[in-house]
Amino acid sequence: MTSDSLVGIPYVTIYNRCDHRATTAREDGYFSFVAKEGDTIQFMALGFLDSKYYIPKGMDGTQFSAIQLMTRQALWIDTLFVYPYPTKEAFARDFVHAAVPNDQIAVAQQNLERERWRSLDQLPMDGPENYAYNRQQALAQFYHAGQLPPQNIFNVMAWAKFIEAWKNGSFKRKTKPNW
């Protein structure tokens, strides 16, 4: 392999900046991605500079292939020396008496608020999540290929859960109607 040869980069994250969808390239660097005219696609991989590709207007819904070149990024990390604590007691003493600035405690408390966690549920999927969801859907299709997917009406465990919920009163009306 020479320095001017093209090599696919595995597991590159491909992100559409216009509608916030993403996917991940396969082991050989190939991927398939649906985008519209005028979208900006961003390519991200560890050890490479991010690169962007603008899909030109006037494509008239045609399919096309593109090769996106990515430049290696030199990562320089200072030397780090890690020394173990001499005893567990010394570590426990230093950990308990560590001086954490108040502004960092406030940030940690804000990050643990319920409203903040609820807002995270509305974030779009990132590349690995999108890839895992795609693989799960493909596996379900292959698993039930040539037949209908199972229905819970014939599932004994689903019936057991239903009967248990009925006994517990989960289906009782909480308020009485005003008739």
N, C-alpha and C. Protein backbone atom coordinates (compact mmCIF):
# COMPACT_ATOMS: atom_id res chain seq x y z
N MET A 1 0.85 -1.16 0.00
CA MET A 1 0.00 0.00 0.00
C MET A 1 0.90 1.23 0.00
N THR A 2 0.60 2.16 -0.87
CA THR A 2 1.38 3.40 -0.95
C THR A 2 0.61 4.53 -0.29
N SER A 3 1.27 5.66 -0.13
CA SER A 3 0.64 6.79 0.56
C SER A 3 -0.46 7.44 -0.27
N ASP A 4 -0.47 7.18 -1.59
CA ASP A 4 -1.50 7.80 -2.43
C ASP A 4 -2.66 6.85 -2.74
N SER A 5 -2.69 5.66 -2.15
CA SER A 5 -3.78 4.73 -2.40
C SER A 5 -4.97 5.04 -1.49
N LEU A 6 -6.17 4.71 -1.97
CA LEU A 6 -7.39 4.94 -1.21
C LEU A 6 -7.70 3.72 -0.37
N VAL A 7 -7.96 3.95 0.90
CA VAL A 7 -8.29 2.88 1.83
C VAL A 7 -9.55 3.31 2.58
N GLY A 8 -10.51 2.39 2.65
CA GLY A 8 -11.72 2.70 3.40
C GLY A 8 -11.44 2.77 4.89
N ILE A 9 -12.05 3.75 5.54
CA ILE A 9 -11.87 3.92 6.97
C ILE A 9 -13.06 3.28 7.66
N PRO A 10 -12.83 2.30 8.53
CA PRO A 10 -13.97 1.62 9.17
C PRO A 10 -14.65 2.50 10.22
N TYR A 11 -15.96 2.32 10.34
CA TYR A 11 -16.78 2.90 11.40
C TYR A 11 -16.74 4.43 11.45
N VAL A 12 -16.66 5.06 10.29
CA VAL A 12 -16.76 6.52 10.24
C VAL A 12 -18.21 6.90 10.52
N THR A 13 -18.41 7.95 11.31
CA THR A 13 -19.75 8.45 11.57
C THR A 13 -20.10 9.45 10.48
N ILE A 14 -21.23 9.22 9.80
CA ILE A 14 -21.70 10.09 8.73
C ILE A 14 -22.94 10.79 9.27
N TYR A 15 -22.90 12.12 9.35
CA TYR A 15 -23.93 12.90 10.02
C TYR A 15 -24.50 13.94 9.05
N ASN A 16 -25.82 13.95 8.89
CA ASN A 16 -26.49 14.95 8.08
C ASN A 16 -26.79 16.15 8.97
N ARG A 17 -26.11 17.26 8.74
CA ARG A 17 -26.25 18.42 9.60
C ARG A 17 -27.58 19.13 9.41
N CYS A 18 -28.30 18.87 8.33
CA CYS A 18 -29.56 19.57 8.08
C CYS A 18 -30.73 18.93 8.83
N ASP A 19 -30.82 17.61 8.84
CA ASP A 19 -31.95 16.97 9.53
C ASP A 19 -31.50 16.09 10.70
N HIS A 20 -30.24 16.17 11.07
CA HIS A 20 -29.69 15.54 12.28
C HIS A 20 -29.85 14.02 12.28
N ARG A 21 -29.70 13.39 11.14
CA ARG A 21 -29.68 11.92 11.06
C ARG A 21 -28.24 11.49 10.88
N ALA A 22 -27.94 10.25 11.29
CA ALA A 22 -26.57 9.78 11.19
C ALA A 22 -26.57 8.28 10.91
N THR A 23 -25.44 7.80 10.43
CA THR A 23 -25.21 6.38 10.25
C THR A 23 -23.72 6.13 10.45
N THR A 24 -23.33 4.88 10.39
CA THR A 24 -21.94 4.49 10.58
C THR A 24 -21.49 3.64 9.41
N ALA A 25 -20.28 3.87 8.94
CA ALA A 25 -19.73 3.09 7.84
C ALA A 25 -19.41 1.67 8.32
N ARG A 26 -19.39 0.73 7.37
CA ARG A 26 -19.07 -0.66 7.69
C ARG A 26 -17.57 -0.81 7.95
N GLU A 27 -17.14 -2.05 8.15
CA GLU A 27 -15.72 -2.33 8.41
C GLU A 27 -14.84 -1.92 7.23
N ASP A 28 -15.38 -2.00 6.02
CA ASP A 28 -14.59 -1.67 4.84
C ASP A 28 -14.72 -0.20 4.43
N GLY A 29 -15.47 0.60 5.21
CA GLY A 29 -15.60 2.03 4.94
C GLY A 29 -16.78 2.40 4.07
N TYR A 30 -17.54 1.41 3.56
CA TYR A 30 -18.68 1.71 2.70
C TYR A 30 -19.91 2.00 3.57
N PHE A 31 -20.78 2.84 3.04
CA PHE A 31 -22.02 3.17 3.73
C PHE A 31 -23.06 3.56 2.69
N SER A 32 -24.31 3.56 3.13
CA SER A 32 -25.42 4.01 2.30
C SER A 32 -26.17 5.04 3.12
N PHE A 33 -26.54 6.16 2.46
CA PHE A 33 -27.12 7.26 3.20
C PHE A 33 -28.08 8.02 2.30
N VAL A 34 -29.28 8.30 2.78
CA VAL A 34 -30.26 9.05 2.01
C VAL A 34 -30.15 10.51 2.42
N ALA A 35 -29.99 11.38 1.44
CA ALA A 35 -29.90 12.82 1.71
C ALA A 35 -30.59 13.58 0.59
N LYS A 36 -30.92 14.82 0.87
CA LYS A 36 -31.60 15.67 -0.11
C LYS A 36 -30.62 16.68 -0.68
N GLU A 37 -31.04 17.30 -1.77
CA GLU A 37 -30.23 18.35 -2.37
C GLU A 37 -30.07 19.49 -1.37
N GLY A 38 -28.87 20.01 -1.28
CA GLY A 38 -28.60 21.13 -0.38
C GLY A 38 -28.19 20.71 1.02
N ASP A 39 -28.21 19.41 1.32
CA ASP A 39 -27.79 18.94 2.64
C ASP A 39 -26.28 19.00 2.76
N THR A 40 -25.81 19.19 3.98
CA THR A 40 -24.39 19.14 4.28
C THR A 40 -24.13 17.89 5.10
N ILE A 41 -23.26 17.03 4.61
CA ILE A 41 -22.93 15.78 5.27
C ILE A 41 -21.56 15.93 5.92
N GLN A 42 -21.46 15.54 7.19
CA GLN A 42 -20.21 15.65 7.92
C GLN A 42 -19.69 14.24 8.21
N PHE A 43 -18.40 14.04 7.99
CA PHE A 43 -17.74 12.76 8.22
C PHE A 43 -16.80 12.92 9.41
N MET A 44 -16.93 12.00 10.40
CA MET A 44 -16.12 12.10 11.62
C MET A 44 -15.54 10.73 11.96
N ALA A 45 -14.25 10.71 12.27
CA ALA A 45 -13.59 9.48 12.70
C ALA A 45 -12.42 9.85 13.60
N LEU A 46 -12.18 9.01 14.59
CA LEU A 46 -11.08 9.25 15.52
C LEU A 46 -9.76 9.14 14.77
N GLY A 47 -8.90 10.13 14.95
CA GLY A 47 -7.60 10.13 14.29
C GLY A 47 -7.62 10.80 12.93
N PHE A 48 -8.79 11.36 12.52
CA PHE A 48 -8.92 12.05 11.25
C PHE A 48 -9.60 13.40 11.47
N LEU A 49 -9.25 14.37 10.64
CA LEU A 49 -9.94 15.65 10.70
C LEU A 49 -11.35 15.49 10.16
N ASP A 50 -12.32 16.18 10.76
CA ASP A 50 -13.68 16.14 10.24
C ASP A 50 -13.70 16.73 8.84
N SER A 51 -14.53 16.16 7.98
CA SER A 51 -14.67 16.73 6.64
C SER A 51 -16.16 16.83 6.31
N LYS A 52 -16.49 17.77 5.41
CA LYS A 52 -17.88 18.03 5.06
C LYS A 52 -18.04 17.89 3.55
N TYR A 53 -19.25 17.49 3.17
CA TYR A 53 -19.57 17.39 1.76
C TYR A 53 -20.94 18.03 1.55
N TYR A 54 -21.02 18.97 0.62
CA TYR A 54 -22.27 19.64 0.30
C TYR A 54 -22.88 18.97 -0.92
N ILE A 55 -24.14 18.52 -0.80
CA ILE A 55 -24.81 17.88 -1.93
C ILE A 55 -25.38 18.98 -2.82
N PRO A 56 -24.91 19.07 -4.05
CA PRO A 56 -25.32 20.19 -4.92
C PRO A 56 -26.79 20.10 -5.32
N LYS A 57 -27.36 21.24 -5.62
CA LYS A 57 -28.74 21.30 -6.09
C LYS A 57 -28.77 20.94 -7.57
N GLY A 58 -29.95 20.54 -8.05
CA GLY A 58 -30.10 20.19 -9.45
C GLY A 58 -29.79 18.74 -9.75
N MET A 59 -29.84 17.88 -8.76
CA MET A 59 -29.54 16.46 -8.97
C MET A 59 -30.77 15.72 -9.50
N ASP A 60 -31.96 16.31 -9.35
CA ASP A 60 -33.22 15.72 -9.86
C ASP A 60 -33.47 14.32 -9.32
N GLY A 61 -33.15 14.07 -8.04
CA GLY A 61 -33.46 12.79 -7.41
C GLY A 61 -32.63 11.63 -7.90
N THR A 62 -31.52 11.89 -8.55
CA THR A 62 -30.69 10.79 -9.04
C THR A 62 -29.81 10.26 -7.91
N GLN A 63 -29.41 9.01 -8.05
CA GLN A 63 -28.50 8.41 -7.10
C GLN A 63 -27.08 8.62 -7.60
N PHE A 64 -26.17 8.83 -6.68
CA PHE A 64 -24.79 8.95 -7.09
C PHE A 64 -23.88 8.47 -5.98
N SER A 65 -22.66 8.15 -6.37
CA SER A 65 -21.65 7.70 -5.42
C SER A 65 -20.59 8.79 -5.30
N ALA A 66 -19.98 8.85 -4.15
CA ALA A 66 -18.92 9.83 -3.94
C ALA A 66 -17.84 9.21 -3.07
N ILE A 67 -16.64 9.66 -3.28
CA ILE A 67 -15.51 9.26 -2.44
C ILE A 67 -15.12 10.48 -1.63
N GLN A 68 -15.18 10.35 -0.33
CA GLN A 68 -14.83 11.46 0.55
C GLN A 68 -13.45 11.22 1.13
N LEU A 69 -12.53 12.10 0.86
CA LEU A 69 -11.18 11.97 1.38
C LEU A 69 -11.11 12.57 2.78
N MET A 70 -10.41 11.89 3.66
CA MET A 70 -10.22 12.39 5.03
C MET A 70 -8.73 12.45 5.31
N THR A 71 -8.32 13.48 6.03
CA THR A 71 -6.92 13.71 6.33
C THR A 71 -6.61 13.22 7.73
N ARG A 72 -5.50 12.49 7.85
CA ARG A 72 -5.10 12.00 9.17
C ARG A 72 -4.75 13.19 10.06
N GLN A 73 -5.08 13.03 11.33
CA GLN A 73 -4.79 14.07 12.30
C GLN A 73 -3.76 13.52 13.27
N ALA A 74 -2.64 14.22 13.38
CA ALA A 74 -1.61 13.78 14.31
C ALA A 74 -2.04 14.15 15.72
N LEU A 75 -2.08 13.17 16.58
CA LEU A 75 -2.45 13.40 17.97
C LEU A 75 -1.18 13.34 18.82
N TRP A 76 -0.87 14.45 19.45
CA TRP A 76 0.29 14.50 20.33
C TRP A 76 -0.20 14.63 21.76
N ILE A 77 0.18 13.68 22.56
CA ILE A 77 -0.22 13.68 23.97
C ILE A 77 1.05 13.76 24.80
N ASP A 78 1.04 14.69 25.76
CA ASP A 78 2.20 14.81 26.64
C ASP A 78 2.38 13.52 27.43
N THR A 79 3.60 13.28 27.85
CA THR A 79 3.90 12.11 28.64
C THR A 79 3.19 12.21 29.98
N LEU A 80 2.57 11.14 30.37
CA LEU A 80 1.85 11.09 31.62
C LEU A 80 2.42 9.96 32.46
N PHE A 81 2.81 10.29 33.67
CA PHE A 81 3.33 9.29 34.60
C PHE A 81 2.26 9.00 35.63
N VAL A 82 1.92 7.74 35.81
CA VAL A 82 0.90 7.32 36.76
C VAL A 82 1.60 6.52 37.85
N TYR A 83 1.43 6.99 39.08
CA TYR A 83 2.03 6.31 40.21
C TYR A 83 0.91 5.82 41.12
N PRO A 84 0.99 4.60 41.61
CA PRO A 84 -0.07 4.10 42.51
C PRO A 84 0.09 4.71 43.90
N TYR A 85 -1.02 4.75 44.63
CA TYR A 85 -0.96 5.16 46.03
C TYR A 85 -0.25 4.06 46.82
N PRO A 86 0.48 4.42 47.84
CA PRO A 86 1.20 3.39 48.58
C PRO A 86 0.27 2.44 49.34
N THR A 87 -0.87 2.98 49.84
CA THR A 87 -1.80 2.13 50.58
C THR A 87 -3.23 2.54 50.25
N LYS A 88 -4.20 1.65 50.55
CA LYS A 88 -5.62 1.97 50.36
C LYS A 88 -6.03 3.10 51.30
N GLU A 89 -5.47 3.13 52.47
CA GLU A 89 -5.82 4.16 53.44
C GLU A 89 -5.40 5.55 52.94
N ALA A 90 -4.24 5.65 52.32
CA ALA A 90 -3.78 6.95 51.79
C ALA A 90 -4.69 7.41 50.66
N PHE A 91 -5.11 6.48 49.80
CA PHE A 91 -6.03 6.84 48.72
C PHE A 91 -7.37 7.31 49.29
N ALA A 92 -7.92 6.57 50.27
CA ALA A 92 -9.20 6.93 50.87
C ALA A 92 -9.11 8.30 51.53
N ARG A 93 -8.01 8.57 52.26
CA ARG A 93 -7.83 9.87 52.91
C ARG A 93 -7.81 11.00 51.89
N ASP A 94 -7.03 10.86 50.82
CA ASP A 94 -6.93 11.91 49.80
C ASP A 94 -8.23 12.07 49.02
N PHE A 95 -8.93 10.98 48.78
CA PHE A 95 -10.19 11.05 48.03
C PHE A 95 -11.25 11.79 48.84
N VAL A 96 -11.36 11.48 50.11
CA VAL A 96 -12.37 12.12 50.97
C VAL A 96 -12.06 13.60 51.17
N HIS A 97 -10.81 13.95 51.27
CA HIS A 97 -10.43 15.34 51.55
C HIS A 97 -10.09 16.13 50.28
N ALA A 98 -10.46 15.62 49.12
CA ALA A 98 -10.19 16.34 47.87
C ALA A 98 -11.02 17.62 47.84
N ALA A 99 -10.40 18.70 47.44
CA ALA A 99 -11.09 19.99 47.38
C ALA A 99 -11.70 20.15 45.99
N VAL A 100 -13.01 19.99 45.91
CA VAL A 100 -13.72 20.14 44.64
C VAL A 100 -14.29 21.55 44.60
N PRO A 101 -13.98 22.34 43.57
CA PRO A 101 -14.51 23.71 43.51
C PRO A 101 -16.04 23.71 43.48
N ASN A 102 -16.64 24.71 44.09
CA ASN A 102 -18.09 24.81 44.18
C ASN A 102 -18.76 24.90 42.81
N ASP A 103 -18.13 25.54 41.85
CA ASP A 103 -18.75 25.66 40.54
C ASP A 103 -18.89 24.29 39.87
N GLN A 104 -17.97 23.38 40.11
CA GLN A 104 -18.09 22.04 39.54
C GLN A 104 -19.19 21.25 40.23
N ILE A 105 -19.38 21.46 41.53
CA ILE A 105 -20.48 20.80 42.24
C ILE A 105 -21.81 21.29 41.70
N ALA A 106 -21.92 22.59 41.45
CA ALA A 106 -23.16 23.15 40.90
C ALA A 106 -23.44 22.58 39.52
N VAL A 107 -22.43 22.43 38.69
CA VAL A 107 -22.61 21.85 37.35
C VAL A 107 -23.07 20.40 37.47
N ALA A 108 -22.48 19.65 38.40
CA ALA A 108 -22.88 18.24 38.59
C ALA A 108 -24.33 18.16 39.05
N GLN A 109 -24.75 19.06 39.95
CA GLN A 109 -26.14 19.04 40.41
C GLN A 109 -27.10 19.39 39.29
N GLN A 110 -26.74 20.34 38.43
CA GLN A 110 -27.59 20.69 37.29
C GLN A 110 -27.71 19.51 36.33
N ASN A 111 -26.63 18.79 36.15
CA ASN A 111 -26.65 17.64 35.23
C ASN A 111 -27.51 16.49 35.75
N LEU A 112 -27.75 16.46 37.06
CA LEU A 112 -28.54 15.38 37.64
C LEU A 112 -30.01 15.73 37.82
N GLU A 113 -30.44 16.92 37.41
CA GLU A 113 -31.84 17.31 37.55
C GLU A 113 -32.70 16.50 36.58
N ARG A 114 -33.92 16.17 37.02
CA ARG A 114 -34.82 15.34 36.22
C ARG A 114 -35.18 16.00 34.89
N GLU A 115 -35.37 17.32 34.90
CA GLU A 115 -35.74 18.00 33.65
C GLU A 115 -34.64 17.86 32.61
N ARG A 116 -33.41 17.90 33.06
CA ARG A 116 -32.29 17.75 32.12
C ARG A 116 -32.28 16.35 31.52
N TRP A 117 -32.57 15.32 32.33
CA TRP A 117 -32.61 13.94 31.84
C TRP A 117 -33.76 13.75 30.87
N ARG A 118 -34.89 14.39 31.14
CA ARG A 118 -36.04 14.27 30.22
C ARG A 118 -35.71 14.87 28.86
N SER A 119 -34.96 15.97 28.84
CA SER A 119 -34.62 16.60 27.57
C SER A 119 -33.68 15.72 26.75
N LEU A 120 -32.90 14.85 27.40
CA LEU A 120 -31.98 13.98 26.67
C LEU A 120 -32.73 12.91 25.87
N ASP A 121 -33.98 12.59 26.27
CA ASP A 121 -34.75 11.60 25.53
C ASP A 121 -35.14 12.10 24.14
N GLN A 122 -35.11 13.40 23.93
CA GLN A 122 -35.54 13.97 22.66
C GLN A 122 -34.39 14.21 21.70
N LEU A 123 -33.18 13.83 22.08
CA LEU A 123 -32.03 14.01 21.20
C LEU A 123 -32.08 13.00 20.05
N PRO A 124 -31.60 13.38 18.88
CA PRO A 124 -31.57 12.41 17.78
C PRO A 124 -30.50 11.34 18.05
N MET A 125 -30.66 10.21 17.39
CA MET A 125 -29.69 9.13 17.56
C MET A 125 -28.36 9.52 16.94
N ASP A 126 -27.27 9.11 17.58
CA ASP A 126 -25.97 9.33 16.98
C ASP A 126 -25.63 8.14 16.08
N GLY A 127 -24.46 8.13 15.51
CA GLY A 127 -24.08 7.09 14.56
C GLY A 127 -24.18 5.67 15.11
N PRO A 128 -23.53 5.36 16.24
CA PRO A 128 -23.61 3.99 16.76
C PRO A 128 -25.03 3.57 17.14
N GLU A 129 -25.81 4.49 17.69
CA GLU A 129 -27.20 4.14 18.04
C GLU A 129 -28.01 3.85 16.78
N ASN A 130 -27.81 4.66 15.75
CA ASN A 130 -28.51 4.46 14.49
C ASN A 130 -28.11 3.12 13.87
N TYR A 131 -26.83 2.80 13.93
CA TYR A 131 -26.34 1.54 13.38
C TYR A 131 -26.94 0.35 14.14
N ALA A 132 -26.96 0.43 15.48
CA ALA A 132 -27.52 -0.66 16.28
C ALA A 132 -29.01 -0.84 15.99
N TYR A 133 -29.74 0.26 15.86
CA TYR A 133 -31.18 0.18 15.55
C TYR A 133 -31.39 -0.45 14.17
N ASN A 134 -30.58 -0.04 13.20
CA ASN A 134 -30.67 -0.58 11.84
C ASN A 134 -30.39 -2.08 11.85
N ARG A 135 -29.36 -2.52 12.56
CA ARG A 135 -29.03 -3.94 12.63
C ARG A 135 -30.15 -4.72 13.31
N GLN A 136 -30.75 -4.14 14.35
CA GLN A 136 -31.83 -4.81 15.06
C GLN A 136 -33.04 -4.99 14.14
N GLN A 137 -33.36 -3.98 13.35
CA GLN A 137 -34.48 -4.08 12.42
C GLN A 137 -34.19 -5.12 11.34
N ALA A 138 -32.97 -5.14 10.81
CA ALA A 138 -32.60 -6.12 9.79
C ALA A 138 -32.67 -7.54 10.36
N LEU A 139 -32.21 -7.72 11.59
CA LEU A 139 -32.26 -9.04 12.22
C LEU A 139 -33.70 -9.51 12.39
N ALA A 140 -34.59 -8.60 12.77
CA ALA A 140 -36.00 -8.97 12.93
C ALA A 140 -36.60 -9.39 11.59
N GLN A 141 -36.23 -8.70 10.51
CA GLN A 141 -36.72 -9.08 9.18
C GLN A 141 -36.22 -10.47 8.78
N PHE A 142 -34.94 -10.74 9.01
CA PHE A 142 -34.38 -12.04 8.65
C PHE A 142 -34.96 -13.14 9.52
N TYR A 143 -35.21 -12.85 10.77
CA TYR A 143 -35.71 -13.86 11.70
C TYR A 143 -37.11 -14.32 11.30
N HIS A 144 -37.93 -13.39 10.81
CA HIS A 144 -39.30 -13.72 10.43
C HIS A 144 -39.47 -13.79 8.91
N ALA A 145 -38.39 -14.01 8.19
CA ALA A 145 -38.46 -14.02 6.73
C ALA A 145 -39.40 -15.12 6.24
N GLY A 146 -40.33 -14.77 5.37
CA GLY A 146 -41.23 -15.74 4.77
C GLY A 146 -42.42 -16.11 5.64
N GLN A 147 -42.58 -15.45 6.78
CA GLN A 147 -43.71 -15.76 7.65
C GLN A 147 -44.14 -14.48 8.37
N LEU A 148 -45.31 -14.53 8.96
CA LEU A 148 -45.79 -13.40 9.73
C LEU A 148 -45.08 -13.34 11.07
N PRO A 149 -44.81 -12.15 11.60
CA PRO A 149 -44.23 -12.09 12.94
C PRO A 149 -45.21 -12.62 13.97
N PRO A 150 -44.72 -13.12 15.07
CA PRO A 150 -45.62 -13.69 16.08
C PRO A 150 -46.54 -12.64 16.67
N GLN A 151 -47.72 -13.07 17.09
CA GLN A 151 -48.69 -12.17 17.70
C GLN A 151 -48.85 -12.58 19.16
N ASN A 152 -48.96 -11.59 20.03
CA ASN A 152 -49.00 -11.87 21.46
C ASN A 152 -50.28 -12.54 21.92
N ILE A 153 -51.28 -12.65 21.06
CA ILE A 153 -52.50 -13.33 21.49
C ILE A 153 -52.24 -14.81 21.75
N PHE A 154 -51.21 -15.35 21.13
CA PHE A 154 -50.85 -16.75 21.34
C PHE A 154 -49.68 -16.91 22.31
N ASN A 155 -49.21 -15.82 22.89
CA ASN A 155 -48.06 -15.84 23.79
C ASN A 155 -48.54 -16.12 25.22
N VAL A 156 -48.15 -17.25 25.78
CA VAL A 156 -48.57 -17.66 27.11
C VAL A 156 -48.07 -16.68 28.16
N MET A 157 -46.84 -16.18 28.01
CA MET A 157 -46.28 -15.25 28.99
C MET A 157 -47.03 -13.92 28.96
N ALA A 158 -47.46 -13.46 27.79
CA ALA A 158 -48.23 -12.22 27.70
C ALA A 158 -49.57 -12.38 28.41
N TRP A 159 -50.21 -13.56 28.25
CA TRP A 159 -51.46 -13.81 28.94
C TRP A 159 -51.26 -13.84 30.45
N ALA A 160 -50.17 -14.43 30.91
CA ALA A 160 -49.89 -14.48 32.35
C ALA A 160 -49.72 -13.08 32.92
N LYS A 161 -49.02 -12.20 32.19
CA LYS A 161 -48.85 -10.81 32.64
C LYS A 161 -50.20 -10.09 32.66
N PHE A 162 -51.03 -10.33 31.65
CA PHE A 162 -52.35 -9.71 31.58
C PHE A 162 -53.21 -10.14 32.77
N ILE A 163 -53.23 -11.42 33.08
CA ILE A 163 -54.05 -11.93 34.19
C ILE A 163 -53.53 -11.39 35.52
N GLU A 164 -52.21 -11.32 35.66
CA GLU A 164 -51.63 -10.77 36.89
C GLU A 164 -52.01 -9.29 37.05
N ALA A 165 -51.96 -8.51 35.98
CA ALA A 165 -52.35 -7.11 36.04
C ALA A 165 -53.84 -6.98 36.37
N TRP A 166 -54.66 -7.88 35.84
CA TRP A 166 -56.11 -7.87 36.13
C TRP A 166 -56.35 -8.12 37.62
N LYS A 167 -55.62 -9.09 38.19
CA LYS A 167 -55.77 -9.40 39.61
C LYS A 167 -55.30 -8.24 40.49
N ASN A 168 -54.25 -7.55 40.06
CA ASN A 168 -53.72 -6.42 40.84
C ASN A 168 -54.60 -5.18 40.74
N GLY A 169 -55.55 -5.17 39.82
CA GLY A 169 -56.43 -4.02 39.68
C GLY A 169 -55.87 -2.91 38.81
N SER A 170 -54.94 -3.24 37.94
CA SER A 170 -54.34 -2.22 37.08
C SER A 170 -55.34 -1.65 36.08
N PHE A 171 -56.41 -2.36 35.80
CA PHE A 171 -57.37 -1.90 34.81
C PHE A 171 -58.59 -1.22 35.43
N LYS A 172 -58.61 -1.05 36.76
CA LYS A 172 -59.74 -0.40 37.41
C LYS A 172 -59.75 1.08 37.09
N ARG A 173 -60.94 1.63 36.94
CA ARG A 173 -61.09 3.05 36.66
C ARG A 173 -60.73 3.82 37.92
N LYS A 174 -59.89 4.83 37.79
CA LYS A 174 -59.41 5.59 38.95
C LYS A 174 -60.48 6.56 39.46
N THR A 175 -61.25 7.16 38.57
CA THR A 175 -62.30 8.10 38.97
C THR A 175 -63.63 7.60 38.46
N LYS A 176 -64.67 7.98 39.18
CA LYS A 176 -66.01 7.56 38.77
C LYS A 176 -66.56 8.57 37.75
N PRO A 177 -67.28 8.08 36.75
CA PRO A 177 -67.86 9.00 35.77
C PRO A 177 -69.00 9.80 36.39
N ASN A 178 -69.21 11.02 35.91
CA ASN A 178 -70.29 11.88 36.37
C ASN A 178 -71.51 11.69 35.48
N TRP A 179 -72.27 10.62 35.70
CA TRP A 179 -73.42 10.35 34.84
C TRP A 179 -74.65 10.82 35.49
